[in-house]
Structures are given as C-alpha cells and as structure tokens.
N, C-alpha and C. Protein backbone atom coordinates (compact mmCIF):
# COMPACT_ATOMS: atom_id res chain seq x y z
N MET A 1 -9.75 3.91 0.13
CA MET A 1 -9.61 3.18 -1.13
C MET A 1 -9.90 1.71 -0.87
N ASN A 2 -10.63 1.11 -1.77
CA ASN A 2 -11.01 -0.29 -1.61
C ASN A 2 -10.21 -1.15 -2.58
N TYR A 3 -9.53 -2.16 -2.02
CA TYR A 3 -8.64 -3.00 -2.83
C TYR A 3 -9.41 -3.69 -3.96
N LEU A 4 -10.57 -4.26 -3.63
CA LEU A 4 -11.32 -5.00 -4.63
C LEU A 4 -11.86 -4.08 -5.73
N THR A 5 -12.33 -2.91 -5.33
CA THR A 5 -12.81 -1.95 -6.33
C THR A 5 -11.72 -1.60 -7.32
N GLU A 6 -10.53 -1.29 -6.81
CA GLU A 6 -9.41 -0.92 -7.67
C GLU A 6 -8.98 -2.09 -8.55
N LEU A 7 -8.96 -3.29 -7.99
CA LEU A 7 -8.53 -4.46 -8.74
C LEU A 7 -9.48 -4.75 -9.92
N LEU A 8 -10.78 -4.72 -9.64
CA LEU A 8 -11.75 -4.98 -10.70
C LEU A 8 -11.72 -3.89 -11.77
N ALA A 9 -11.57 -2.64 -11.33
CA ALA A 9 -11.50 -1.54 -12.29
C ALA A 9 -10.24 -1.62 -13.13
N PHE A 10 -9.15 -2.10 -12.54
CA PHE A 10 -7.89 -2.24 -13.26
C PHE A 10 -8.06 -3.21 -14.44
N TYR A 11 -8.72 -4.35 -14.18
CA TYR A 11 -8.90 -5.32 -15.26
C TYR A 11 -9.92 -4.85 -16.29
N ARG A 12 -10.89 -4.06 -15.88
CA ARG A 12 -11.79 -3.46 -16.85
C ARG A 12 -11.01 -2.46 -17.72
N TRP A 13 -10.12 -1.71 -17.10
CA TRP A 13 -9.27 -0.74 -17.80
C TRP A 13 -8.37 -1.44 -18.81
N LEU A 14 -7.88 -2.66 -18.45
CA LEU A 14 -7.00 -3.41 -19.35
C LEU A 14 -7.71 -3.84 -20.63
N GLU A 15 -9.04 -3.86 -20.63
CA GLU A 15 -9.77 -4.24 -21.82
C GLU A 15 -9.56 -3.24 -22.95
N THR A 16 -9.21 -2.02 -22.60
CA THR A 16 -9.02 -0.98 -23.62
C THR A 16 -7.62 -0.38 -23.60
N THR A 17 -6.78 -0.84 -22.68
CA THR A 17 -5.42 -0.30 -22.56
C THR A 17 -4.42 -1.45 -22.57
N LEU A 18 -3.49 -1.39 -23.50
CA LEU A 18 -2.52 -2.47 -23.63
C LEU A 18 -1.24 -2.13 -22.86
N ILE A 19 -0.94 -2.91 -21.83
CA ILE A 19 0.33 -2.78 -21.12
C ILE A 19 0.91 -4.17 -20.94
N SER A 20 2.20 -4.25 -20.74
CA SER A 20 2.89 -5.54 -20.67
C SER A 20 2.59 -6.24 -19.35
N PRO A 21 2.77 -7.55 -19.31
CA PRO A 21 2.56 -8.29 -18.05
C PRO A 21 3.42 -7.77 -16.90
N ILE A 22 4.66 -7.36 -17.19
CA ILE A 22 5.51 -6.89 -16.10
C ILE A 22 5.06 -5.52 -15.61
N GLN A 23 4.48 -4.71 -16.48
CA GLN A 23 3.89 -3.45 -16.02
C GLN A 23 2.69 -3.72 -15.13
N GLN A 24 1.90 -4.71 -15.49
CA GLN A 24 0.77 -5.11 -14.66
C GLN A 24 1.26 -5.58 -13.28
N ALA A 25 2.33 -6.37 -13.29
CA ALA A 25 2.89 -6.86 -12.02
C ALA A 25 3.40 -5.70 -11.17
N TYR A 26 3.98 -4.70 -11.81
CA TYR A 26 4.48 -3.52 -11.09
C TYR A 26 3.31 -2.80 -10.41
N TRP A 27 2.20 -2.62 -11.14
CA TRP A 27 1.03 -1.96 -10.56
C TRP A 27 0.51 -2.75 -9.36
N HIS A 28 0.43 -4.06 -9.48
CA HIS A 28 -0.02 -4.90 -8.37
C HIS A 28 0.92 -4.77 -7.17
N LEU A 29 2.22 -4.71 -7.43
CA LEU A 29 3.19 -4.54 -6.35
C LEU A 29 2.99 -3.21 -5.65
N LEU A 30 2.72 -2.16 -6.40
CA LEU A 30 2.48 -0.85 -5.80
C LEU A 30 1.20 -0.84 -4.98
N MET A 31 0.17 -1.52 -5.45
CA MET A 31 -1.06 -1.63 -4.67
C MET A 31 -0.78 -2.33 -3.33
N TRP A 32 0.00 -3.39 -3.39
CA TRP A 32 0.35 -4.12 -2.18
C TRP A 32 1.15 -3.24 -1.22
N ALA A 33 2.11 -2.47 -1.77
CA ALA A 33 2.93 -1.60 -0.94
C ALA A 33 2.09 -0.49 -0.31
N ASN A 34 1.16 0.07 -1.08
CA ASN A 34 0.26 1.10 -0.56
C ASN A 34 -0.62 0.51 0.55
N ASN A 35 -1.05 -0.73 0.33
CA ASN A 35 -1.86 -1.45 1.32
C ASN A 35 -1.13 -1.60 2.64
N ARG A 36 0.11 -2.06 2.58
CA ARG A 36 0.85 -2.33 3.82
C ARG A 36 1.25 -1.05 4.56
N ALA A 37 1.16 0.09 3.86
CA ALA A 37 1.50 1.37 4.49
C ALA A 37 0.29 2.00 5.18
N ALA A 38 -0.82 1.27 5.29
CA ALA A 38 -2.05 1.80 5.89
C ALA A 38 -1.79 2.44 7.25
N VAL A 39 -2.49 3.53 7.53
CA VAL A 39 -2.34 4.26 8.78
C VAL A 39 -3.67 4.32 9.52
N ARG A 40 -3.59 4.45 10.81
CA ARG A 40 -4.78 4.47 11.66
C ARG A 40 -4.92 5.84 12.31
N ASP A 41 -6.14 6.37 12.34
CA ASP A 41 -6.33 7.68 12.95
C ASP A 41 -6.61 7.55 14.45
N GLU A 42 -6.87 8.67 15.08
CA GLU A 42 -7.06 8.69 16.54
C GLU A 42 -8.31 7.93 16.98
N LEU A 43 -9.25 7.74 16.06
CA LEU A 43 -10.48 7.02 16.39
C LEU A 43 -10.37 5.53 16.09
N GLY A 44 -9.23 5.12 15.56
CA GLY A 44 -9.02 3.71 15.28
C GLY A 44 -9.40 3.28 13.88
N ASP A 45 -9.78 4.23 13.01
CA ASP A 45 -10.14 3.90 11.63
C ASP A 45 -8.89 3.84 10.76
N TRP A 46 -8.87 2.90 9.82
CA TRP A 46 -7.73 2.70 8.95
C TRP A 46 -7.92 3.40 7.60
N TYR A 47 -6.81 3.89 7.04
CA TYR A 47 -6.84 4.59 5.76
C TYR A 47 -5.63 4.22 4.91
N TRP A 48 -5.83 4.32 3.58
CA TRP A 48 -4.72 4.19 2.65
C TRP A 48 -4.02 5.56 2.56
N PRO A 49 -2.71 5.63 2.79
CA PRO A 49 -2.01 6.90 2.61
C PRO A 49 -1.92 7.26 1.13
N VAL A 50 -1.96 8.55 0.84
CA VAL A 50 -1.84 9.01 -0.54
C VAL A 50 -0.42 8.73 -1.05
N ALA A 51 0.57 9.01 -0.22
CA ALA A 51 1.97 8.83 -0.61
C ALA A 51 2.59 7.68 0.19
N PHE A 52 3.43 6.91 -0.45
CA PHE A 52 4.11 5.81 0.23
C PHE A 52 5.45 5.57 -0.44
N ASN A 53 6.32 4.87 0.25
CA ASN A 53 7.67 4.62 -0.27
C ASN A 53 7.87 3.14 -0.60
N LEU A 54 8.67 2.89 -1.61
CA LEU A 54 9.04 1.53 -1.97
C LEU A 54 10.43 1.57 -2.60
N PRO A 55 11.41 0.92 -1.95
CA PRO A 55 12.78 0.94 -2.48
C PRO A 55 12.88 0.25 -3.84
N ASN A 56 13.75 0.76 -4.70
CA ASN A 56 13.97 0.14 -6.00
C ASN A 56 14.46 -1.30 -5.85
N THR A 57 15.22 -1.55 -4.80
CA THR A 57 15.74 -2.90 -4.57
C THR A 57 14.61 -3.89 -4.34
N VAL A 58 13.55 -3.43 -3.68
CA VAL A 58 12.39 -4.30 -3.45
C VAL A 58 11.66 -4.55 -4.76
N VAL A 59 11.50 -3.50 -5.56
CA VAL A 59 10.86 -3.65 -6.86
C VAL A 59 11.63 -4.65 -7.72
N MET A 60 12.95 -4.53 -7.72
CA MET A 60 13.79 -5.43 -8.51
C MET A 60 13.63 -6.87 -8.05
N ARG A 61 13.58 -7.06 -6.75
CA ARG A 61 13.49 -8.42 -6.22
C ARG A 61 12.16 -9.06 -6.60
N PHE A 62 11.06 -8.34 -6.42
CA PHE A 62 9.74 -8.90 -6.68
C PHE A 62 9.47 -9.10 -8.17
N LEU A 63 10.02 -8.22 -9.00
CA LEU A 63 9.75 -8.32 -10.43
C LEU A 63 10.83 -9.08 -11.19
N GLY A 64 11.86 -9.53 -10.47
CA GLY A 64 12.92 -10.29 -11.12
C GLY A 64 13.80 -9.46 -12.03
N LEU A 65 13.98 -8.19 -11.70
CA LEU A 65 14.80 -7.30 -12.50
C LEU A 65 16.24 -7.31 -12.00
N LYS A 66 17.18 -7.11 -12.92
CA LYS A 66 18.60 -7.17 -12.57
C LYS A 66 19.26 -5.79 -12.52
N LYS A 67 18.69 -4.83 -13.25
CA LYS A 67 19.32 -3.52 -13.37
C LYS A 67 18.37 -2.41 -12.90
N HIS A 68 18.97 -1.38 -12.29
CA HIS A 68 18.19 -0.25 -11.80
C HIS A 68 17.45 0.45 -12.93
N TYR A 69 18.08 0.57 -14.10
CA TYR A 69 17.44 1.30 -15.20
C TYR A 69 16.15 0.62 -15.65
N GLN A 70 16.03 -0.70 -15.42
CA GLN A 70 14.80 -1.39 -15.79
C GLN A 70 13.63 -0.92 -14.94
N VAL A 71 13.89 -0.66 -13.65
CA VAL A 71 12.86 -0.13 -12.77
C VAL A 71 12.44 1.25 -13.26
N VAL A 72 13.41 2.10 -13.56
CA VAL A 72 13.13 3.46 -14.02
C VAL A 72 12.29 3.43 -15.29
N HIS A 73 12.65 2.55 -16.22
CA HIS A 73 11.92 2.45 -17.50
C HIS A 73 10.48 2.03 -17.28
N LEU A 74 10.26 1.00 -16.47
CA LEU A 74 8.90 0.52 -16.21
C LEU A 74 8.08 1.57 -15.45
N ARG A 75 8.72 2.23 -14.50
CA ARG A 75 8.01 3.25 -13.72
C ARG A 75 7.61 4.42 -14.62
N ASP A 76 8.50 4.82 -15.51
CA ASP A 76 8.17 5.91 -16.44
C ASP A 76 6.98 5.55 -17.32
N GLN A 77 6.89 4.28 -17.69
CA GLN A 77 5.75 3.85 -18.51
C GLN A 77 4.44 3.96 -17.72
N LEU A 78 4.46 3.54 -16.45
CA LEU A 78 3.26 3.65 -15.62
C LEU A 78 2.87 5.10 -15.39
N ILE A 79 3.87 5.97 -15.31
CA ILE A 79 3.59 7.40 -15.15
C ILE A 79 2.95 7.95 -16.42
N ARG A 80 3.47 7.57 -17.58
CA ARG A 80 2.95 8.08 -18.85
C ARG A 80 1.50 7.67 -19.10
N ILE A 81 1.13 6.46 -18.64
CA ILE A 81 -0.25 6.02 -18.87
C ILE A 81 -1.18 6.45 -17.72
N GLY A 82 -0.65 7.23 -16.78
CA GLY A 82 -1.50 7.86 -15.79
C GLY A 82 -1.88 7.02 -14.58
N ARG A 83 -1.14 5.95 -14.32
CA ARG A 83 -1.51 5.10 -13.20
C ARG A 83 -0.77 5.45 -11.91
N VAL A 84 0.31 6.20 -12.00
CA VAL A 84 1.09 6.50 -10.80
C VAL A 84 1.84 7.81 -10.97
N GLN A 85 2.15 8.44 -9.85
CA GLN A 85 3.04 9.59 -9.81
C GLN A 85 4.25 9.19 -8.97
N TYR A 86 5.38 9.82 -9.21
CA TYR A 86 6.60 9.44 -8.49
C TYR A 86 7.47 10.66 -8.24
N GLU A 87 8.04 10.69 -7.03
CA GLU A 87 8.96 11.77 -6.66
C GLU A 87 10.25 11.15 -6.13
N LYS A 88 11.34 11.45 -6.77
CA LYS A 88 12.64 10.90 -6.38
C LYS A 88 13.12 11.54 -5.08
N HIS A 89 13.68 10.73 -4.19
CA HIS A 89 14.21 11.26 -2.93
C HIS A 89 15.56 11.91 -3.20
N PRO A 90 15.78 13.13 -2.69
CA PRO A 90 17.04 13.84 -2.98
C PRO A 90 18.27 13.19 -2.35
N ALA A 91 18.07 12.36 -1.33
CA ALA A 91 19.20 11.75 -0.63
C ALA A 91 19.40 10.29 -1.00
N GLN A 92 18.92 9.91 -2.18
CA GLN A 92 19.10 8.54 -2.68
C GLN A 92 18.41 7.48 -1.83
N ARG A 93 17.39 7.89 -1.09
CA ARG A 93 16.58 6.92 -0.36
C ARG A 93 15.37 6.54 -1.20
N ALA A 94 14.52 5.66 -0.67
CA ALA A 94 13.35 5.19 -1.42
C ALA A 94 12.48 6.37 -1.86
N GLY A 95 12.11 6.40 -3.12
CA GLY A 95 11.28 7.48 -3.64
C GLY A 95 9.83 7.35 -3.19
N THR A 96 9.05 8.40 -3.46
CA THR A 96 7.66 8.46 -3.03
C THR A 96 6.72 8.22 -4.21
N TYR A 97 5.83 7.24 -4.04
CA TYR A 97 4.82 6.92 -5.06
C TYR A 97 3.46 7.48 -4.64
N ARG A 98 2.65 7.80 -5.63
CA ARG A 98 1.25 8.15 -5.42
C ARG A 98 0.43 7.48 -6.52
N LEU A 99 -0.37 6.48 -6.15
CA LEU A 99 -1.23 5.83 -7.12
C LEU A 99 -2.39 6.75 -7.49
N ASN A 100 -2.84 6.67 -8.72
CA ASN A 100 -4.01 7.41 -9.17
C ASN A 100 -5.20 6.45 -9.14
N PRO A 101 -6.07 6.55 -8.13
CA PRO A 101 -7.17 5.60 -7.99
C PRO A 101 -8.13 5.64 -9.18
N PHE A 102 -8.70 4.49 -9.47
CA PHE A 102 -9.77 4.43 -10.47
C PHE A 102 -11.05 5.01 -9.89
N ASN A 103 -11.27 4.79 -8.61
CA ASN A 103 -12.49 5.25 -7.95
C ASN A 103 -12.52 6.78 -7.91
N GLN A 104 -13.52 7.36 -8.56
CA GLN A 104 -13.64 8.82 -8.61
C GLN A 104 -14.34 9.39 -7.38
N GLY A 105 -14.81 8.50 -6.48
CA GLY A 105 -15.49 8.97 -5.28
C GLY A 105 -14.56 9.12 -4.09
N LEU A 106 -13.29 9.40 -4.36
CA LEU A 106 -12.30 9.55 -3.30
C LEU A 106 -11.73 10.96 -3.30
N GLU A 107 -11.32 11.42 -2.12
CA GLU A 107 -10.60 12.68 -2.03
C GLU A 107 -9.46 12.53 -1.04
N ALA A 108 -8.42 13.31 -1.23
CA ALA A 108 -7.27 13.29 -0.32
C ALA A 108 -7.54 14.23 0.85
N VAL A 109 -7.48 13.70 2.07
CA VAL A 109 -7.70 14.51 3.27
C VAL A 109 -6.56 14.26 4.24
N TRP A 110 -6.44 15.14 5.21
CA TRP A 110 -5.39 15.01 6.22
C TRP A 110 -5.98 14.46 7.51
N ILE A 111 -5.28 13.49 8.12
CA ILE A 111 -5.68 12.96 9.42
C ILE A 111 -4.50 13.02 10.36
N VAL A 112 -4.79 12.88 11.66
CA VAL A 112 -3.73 12.78 12.67
C VAL A 112 -3.59 11.31 13.02
N ALA A 113 -2.38 10.81 12.94
CA ALA A 113 -2.13 9.39 13.18
C ALA A 113 -2.47 9.01 14.61
N GLU A 114 -2.79 7.73 14.79
CA GLU A 114 -3.18 7.20 16.09
C GLU A 114 -2.11 7.45 17.14
N LYS A 115 -0.86 7.21 16.79
CA LYS A 115 0.24 7.40 17.72
C LYS A 115 1.02 8.64 17.32
N GLY A 116 1.22 9.53 18.27
CA GLY A 116 1.92 10.76 17.97
C GLY A 116 0.98 11.78 17.35
N CYS A 117 1.58 12.86 16.85
CA CYS A 117 0.77 13.94 16.29
C CYS A 117 1.05 14.13 14.80
N ALA A 118 1.62 13.12 14.17
CA ALA A 118 1.97 13.24 12.76
C ALA A 118 0.71 13.33 11.90
N ARG A 119 0.69 14.32 11.00
CA ARG A 119 -0.42 14.47 10.05
C ARG A 119 -0.06 13.71 8.78
N THR A 120 -1.02 12.94 8.29
CA THR A 120 -0.81 12.12 7.11
C THR A 120 -1.95 12.36 6.12
N GLN A 121 -1.62 12.50 4.85
CA GLN A 121 -2.65 12.66 3.83
C GLN A 121 -3.11 11.28 3.38
N VAL A 122 -4.42 11.05 3.41
CA VAL A 122 -4.97 9.73 3.11
C VAL A 122 -6.14 9.86 2.14
N TRP A 123 -6.52 8.71 1.57
CA TRP A 123 -7.71 8.67 0.71
C TRP A 123 -8.95 8.45 1.56
N ASN A 124 -9.98 9.24 1.30
CA ASN A 124 -11.23 9.12 2.04
C ASN A 124 -12.40 9.11 1.05
N SER A 125 -13.37 8.24 1.29
CA SER A 125 -14.51 8.14 0.39
C SER A 125 -15.48 9.29 0.66
N VAL A 126 -15.85 10.02 -0.40
CA VAL A 126 -16.78 11.13 -0.25
C VAL A 126 -18.11 10.83 -0.90
N SER A 127 -18.20 9.70 -1.61
CA SER A 127 -19.46 9.29 -2.22
C SER A 127 -19.40 7.80 -2.47
N SER A 128 -20.49 7.23 -2.87
CA SER A 128 -20.53 5.80 -3.16
C SER A 128 -20.17 5.49 -4.60
N ALA A 129 -19.71 6.51 -5.32
CA ALA A 129 -19.37 6.31 -6.73
C ALA A 129 -18.10 5.50 -6.86
N ALA A 130 -18.23 4.29 -7.35
CA ALA A 130 -17.06 3.43 -7.53
C ALA A 130 -16.43 3.73 -8.88
N ALA A 131 -15.38 2.97 -9.17
CA ALA A 131 -14.70 3.16 -10.45
C ALA A 131 -15.61 2.78 -11.60
N PRO A 132 -15.47 3.43 -12.75
CA PRO A 132 -16.31 3.11 -13.90
C PRO A 132 -16.21 1.63 -14.25
N GLY A 133 -17.36 0.98 -14.37
CA GLY A 133 -17.38 -0.42 -14.75
C GLY A 133 -17.25 -1.38 -13.60
N ALA A 134 -17.00 -0.90 -12.38
CA ALA A 134 -16.78 -1.80 -11.26
C ALA A 134 -18.06 -2.18 -10.54
N GLU A 135 -19.07 -1.32 -10.60
CA GLU A 135 -20.28 -1.53 -9.80
C GLU A 135 -20.98 -2.87 -10.00
N PRO A 136 -21.07 -3.40 -11.23
CA PRO A 136 -21.81 -4.66 -11.40
C PRO A 136 -21.18 -5.84 -10.69
N TYR A 137 -19.92 -5.71 -10.27
CA TYR A 137 -19.20 -6.86 -9.76
C TYR A 137 -19.08 -6.90 -8.24
N ILE A 138 -19.30 -5.78 -7.57
CA ILE A 138 -19.06 -5.75 -6.13
C ILE A 138 -20.14 -4.96 -5.41
N ASN A 139 -20.27 -5.25 -4.14
CA ASN A 139 -21.03 -4.39 -3.25
C ASN A 139 -20.06 -3.34 -2.73
N PRO A 140 -20.35 -2.04 -2.94
CA PRO A 140 -19.39 -1.02 -2.50
C PRO A 140 -19.16 -1.01 -1.01
N LEU A 141 -20.04 -1.66 -0.24
CA LEU A 141 -19.83 -1.75 1.20
C LEU A 141 -19.25 -3.12 1.52
N ASN A 142 -18.00 -3.14 1.92
CA ASN A 142 -17.34 -4.40 2.24
C ASN A 142 -17.51 -4.64 3.74
N ASN A 143 -18.34 -5.60 4.11
CA ASN A 143 -18.69 -5.80 5.52
C ASN A 143 -17.93 -6.92 6.20
N LYS A 144 -16.74 -7.25 5.67
CA LYS A 144 -15.95 -8.28 6.33
C LYS A 144 -15.55 -7.83 7.72
N HIS A 145 -15.61 -8.76 8.68
CA HIS A 145 -15.20 -8.43 10.04
C HIS A 145 -13.71 -8.63 10.19
N THR A 146 -13.09 -7.79 10.98
CA THR A 146 -11.66 -7.89 11.19
C THR A 146 -11.36 -8.87 12.31
N SER A 147 -10.16 -9.43 12.25
CA SER A 147 -9.74 -10.41 13.23
C SER A 147 -8.23 -10.43 13.28
N LEU A 148 -7.67 -10.84 14.41
CA LEU A 148 -6.22 -10.96 14.53
C LEU A 148 -5.80 -12.43 14.52
N SER A 149 -6.63 -13.29 13.94
CA SER A 149 -6.35 -14.71 13.96
C SER A 149 -5.49 -15.17 12.79
N TYR A 150 -5.07 -14.24 11.92
CA TYR A 150 -4.27 -14.59 10.77
C TYR A 150 -2.80 -14.34 11.07
N GLY A 151 -1.93 -15.17 10.51
CA GLY A 151 -0.53 -15.04 10.85
C GLY A 151 0.38 -14.62 9.72
N ILE A 152 -0.09 -14.57 8.48
CA ILE A 152 0.75 -14.19 7.37
C ILE A 152 0.07 -13.10 6.57
N PRO A 153 0.86 -12.22 5.89
CA PRO A 153 0.26 -11.10 5.18
C PRO A 153 -0.80 -11.50 4.17
N GLU A 154 -0.60 -12.62 3.44
CA GLU A 154 -1.55 -12.99 2.41
C GLU A 154 -2.91 -13.34 2.99
N CYS A 155 -2.95 -13.75 4.26
CA CYS A 155 -4.21 -14.14 4.88
C CYS A 155 -4.67 -13.13 5.91
N ALA A 156 -4.04 -11.96 5.92
CA ALA A 156 -4.37 -10.97 6.93
C ALA A 156 -5.79 -10.48 6.75
N PRO A 157 -6.45 -10.06 7.84
CA PRO A 157 -7.83 -9.60 7.74
C PRO A 157 -7.95 -8.34 6.93
N VAL A 158 -9.16 -8.05 6.52
CA VAL A 158 -9.41 -6.88 5.69
C VAL A 158 -10.41 -5.97 6.37
N SER A 159 -10.11 -4.70 6.40
CA SER A 159 -11.01 -3.72 6.99
C SER A 159 -12.03 -3.28 5.95
N PRO A 160 -13.06 -2.52 6.33
CA PRO A 160 -14.00 -2.01 5.34
C PRO A 160 -13.35 -1.17 4.26
N ASN A 161 -12.17 -0.63 4.53
CA ASN A 161 -11.49 0.16 3.52
C ASN A 161 -10.63 -0.69 2.60
N GLY A 162 -10.50 -1.99 2.91
CA GLY A 162 -9.90 -2.88 1.96
C GLY A 162 -8.42 -3.16 2.11
N PHE A 163 -7.81 -3.00 3.28
CA PHE A 163 -6.42 -3.34 3.44
C PHE A 163 -6.23 -4.18 4.68
N ASN A 164 -5.10 -4.90 4.74
CA ASN A 164 -4.91 -5.78 5.88
C ASN A 164 -4.54 -4.99 7.12
N LEU A 165 -4.71 -5.62 8.28
CA LEU A 165 -4.63 -4.91 9.54
C LEU A 165 -3.44 -5.32 10.40
N LEU A 166 -2.30 -5.58 9.79
CA LEU A 166 -1.10 -5.78 10.59
C LEU A 166 -0.85 -4.49 11.38
N PRO A 167 -0.62 -4.58 12.69
CA PRO A 167 -0.42 -3.36 13.47
C PRO A 167 0.88 -2.66 13.09
N GLU A 168 0.86 -1.35 13.23
CA GLU A 168 2.05 -0.56 12.96
C GLU A 168 3.03 -0.64 14.12
N ILE A 169 4.31 -0.39 13.84
CA ILE A 169 5.30 -0.19 14.89
C ILE A 169 5.69 1.28 14.85
N SER A 170 6.31 1.74 15.91
CA SER A 170 6.63 3.16 16.01
C SER A 170 7.74 3.55 15.04
N GLU A 171 7.83 4.84 14.76
CA GLU A 171 8.89 5.34 13.88
C GLU A 171 10.25 5.09 14.51
N GLU A 172 10.33 5.13 15.85
CA GLU A 172 11.59 4.84 16.53
C GLU A 172 12.01 3.39 16.30
N GLU A 173 11.03 2.48 16.35
CA GLU A 173 11.34 1.07 16.10
C GLU A 173 11.79 0.86 14.66
N LYS A 174 11.13 1.54 13.73
CA LYS A 174 11.52 1.42 12.32
C LYS A 174 12.94 1.94 12.11
N ALA A 175 13.24 3.09 12.76
CA ALA A 175 14.57 3.69 12.61
C ALA A 175 15.64 2.76 13.16
N ALA A 176 15.34 2.10 14.29
CA ALA A 176 16.31 1.18 14.89
C ALA A 176 16.56 -0.01 13.98
N ILE A 177 15.50 -0.49 13.32
CA ILE A 177 15.66 -1.62 12.39
C ILE A 177 16.47 -1.20 11.18
N ARG A 178 16.17 -0.03 10.62
CA ARG A 178 16.90 0.45 9.44
C ARG A 178 18.38 0.65 9.76
N ALA A 179 18.66 1.05 11.01
CA ALA A 179 20.05 1.26 11.42
C ALA A 179 20.85 -0.04 11.40
N LYS A 180 20.16 -1.15 11.54
CA LYS A 180 20.84 -2.46 11.51
C LYS A 180 21.19 -2.88 10.09
N PHE A 181 20.49 -2.27 9.11
CA PHE A 181 20.71 -2.63 7.71
C PHE A 181 20.91 -1.35 6.88
N PRO A 182 21.96 -0.60 7.17
CA PRO A 182 22.13 0.71 6.52
C PRO A 182 22.29 0.65 5.01
N ASP A 183 22.76 -0.47 4.49
CA ASP A 183 23.01 -0.56 3.05
C ASP A 183 22.17 -1.64 2.38
N ASN A 184 21.11 -2.05 3.06
CA ASN A 184 20.29 -3.13 2.51
C ASN A 184 18.81 -2.82 2.74
N ASP A 185 18.20 -2.11 1.81
CA ASP A 185 16.80 -1.72 1.94
C ASP A 185 15.87 -2.94 1.97
N VAL A 186 16.23 -3.97 1.24
CA VAL A 186 15.38 -5.16 1.20
C VAL A 186 15.33 -5.83 2.56
N ALA A 187 16.51 -6.00 3.18
CA ALA A 187 16.57 -6.62 4.50
C ALA A 187 15.81 -5.80 5.53
N ALA A 188 15.95 -4.47 5.45
CA ALA A 188 15.23 -3.60 6.39
C ALA A 188 13.72 -3.70 6.18
N PHE A 189 13.32 -3.75 4.93
CA PHE A 189 11.90 -3.87 4.58
C PHE A 189 11.29 -5.12 5.22
N TYR A 190 11.96 -6.25 5.06
CA TYR A 190 11.43 -7.49 5.60
C TYR A 190 11.53 -7.54 7.12
N ALA A 191 12.55 -6.93 7.68
CA ALA A 191 12.68 -6.89 9.14
C ALA A 191 11.55 -6.08 9.77
N ILE A 192 11.18 -4.97 9.13
CA ILE A 192 10.07 -4.15 9.63
C ILE A 192 8.76 -4.94 9.53
N TRP A 193 8.57 -5.63 8.40
CA TRP A 193 7.36 -6.44 8.24
C TRP A 193 7.30 -7.54 9.30
N GLU A 194 8.45 -8.17 9.57
CA GLU A 194 8.50 -9.23 10.58
C GLU A 194 8.16 -8.67 11.96
N ALA A 195 8.64 -7.45 12.25
CA ALA A 195 8.34 -6.82 13.54
C ALA A 195 6.84 -6.56 13.68
N ARG A 196 6.17 -6.17 12.59
CA ARG A 196 4.73 -5.94 12.63
C ARG A 196 3.98 -7.25 12.84
N GLU A 197 4.46 -8.32 12.19
CA GLU A 197 3.83 -9.63 12.39
C GLU A 197 3.99 -10.10 13.83
N LYS A 198 5.19 -9.86 14.40
CA LYS A 198 5.44 -10.24 15.79
C LYS A 198 4.52 -9.48 16.74
N LYS A 199 4.33 -8.20 16.44
CA LYS A 199 3.44 -7.38 17.27
C LYS A 199 2.02 -7.89 17.18
N GLN A 200 1.60 -8.33 15.99
CA GLN A 200 0.26 -8.88 15.81
C GLN A 200 0.06 -10.11 16.69
N VAL A 201 1.07 -10.98 16.74
CA VAL A 201 0.99 -12.19 17.57
C VAL A 201 0.91 -11.82 19.04
N GLU A 202 1.70 -10.82 19.46
CA GLU A 202 1.67 -10.40 20.87
C GLU A 202 0.31 -9.86 21.25
N ILE A 203 -0.31 -9.08 20.36
CA ILE A 203 -1.66 -8.56 20.63
C ILE A 203 -2.66 -9.70 20.74
N LYS A 204 -2.52 -10.66 19.83
CA LYS A 204 -3.43 -11.80 19.85
C LYS A 204 -3.31 -12.58 21.15
N ASN A 205 -2.07 -12.79 21.64
CA ASN A 205 -1.87 -13.52 22.89
C ASN A 205 -2.42 -12.77 24.10
N LEU A 206 -2.33 -11.44 24.07
CA LEU A 206 -2.86 -10.63 25.17
C LEU A 206 -4.39 -10.71 25.25
N ARG A 207 -5.03 -10.96 24.10
CA ARG A 207 -6.50 -10.98 24.07
C ARG A 207 -7.07 -12.36 24.38
N ARG A 208 -6.20 -13.34 24.54
CA ARG A 208 -6.71 -14.68 24.87
C ARG A 208 -7.17 -14.76 26.32
C-alpha cells in the first residue's frame, strides 16, 4: 500500500462524500497507525499489515476525545461508510482494525516475518492500477531512497511501499515494555515507539 496514493485518493473521495473533520482525522490516525505497524519479510522487503491494533486510549488522546463512547460512535461511522473494518478484542485489549484501501490493485497475501516464523497477512501490489482518480497526481513508482539519518517519526524515511522504516523490536521486548505499564496503553504505546527510535539510532551508529 502506498501512503501517497491512499492520501490523494482519500481527498478525491471527499469531493463526493461528506464526512466530518474529526472523522477525517480518525482516518488519518488509522493510516498512521497502519504505517507504523509495517512488517519486514525474510528478504528485507517492507509491507503494510492488513490488520493492526490501536488502543482506544490512543485514539482519544490524538483526537481530543473525553469519553470512550465517542470513539465507538466515530468508528461505527467509518465502518458504515466503508473505510474500515473493526474487530473487538474479547479480553478488553486493543481491538483490530483493517483499512479498506482505495487502491484496487492490491491483494492480501501471507508472508513470513523477518524475525521468527510468524506469518503475517499484508497488502501486496498485483498491478499498477492505482486508486480511481489518483493517477494524474503521482507516479505509481515511488523511487525515494531509504536512509537511517532521520531521528523522528515525522521525518522518517519512506520505502517504495510508502511507510517509514523505524526498525522493529522483538515481541519479547514489546511484552516487557507492556508489563511495565499494565494499565496504561498510551504509555506502553509511546514506550514501544521510543524503543524503536533508540534501536534506529543504534543501527545508525554501528554503520558509521
């Protein structure tokens, strides 16, 4: 999935579909969350996962919401207009989102993650067909070169698939971080992100 393709198609879609500014912000937040959940296969190629998690507490913080029911209401609206699917976690943990891409040239395939043997379902391009209305604005081949010289998520490099390349940490490391914040999903979320940024700096120093 290509970030720019989806972004341009989203605004073309808004020309004929009326949704509120906060619903738009929610969609952008989900795109960002899907982006940061990128996974790498055994060959080193990066992919957007089909399914990803985002705690309601994080949604509330970013969108300035005060009540849980506000998240549920906004999410239900995005589901009704066909932009996202959602599955509630049975154990009251972060639910699972699945964005519905505008790009019709994508298919969901299974890959084996770079570390370990975990199989992950990801979006893979099967044709050059971009989202309707997006072609006049972009080159479907994004040839930006990747680099580890960036230090913050907003300036992180972009791969040909359109997401930033902060390195992943292991599931064991993530579990250890979550154990430190058992009742605070937001704190755990940012701690995991900080650990990935720290790992990026360590890789950069090793390559000097």
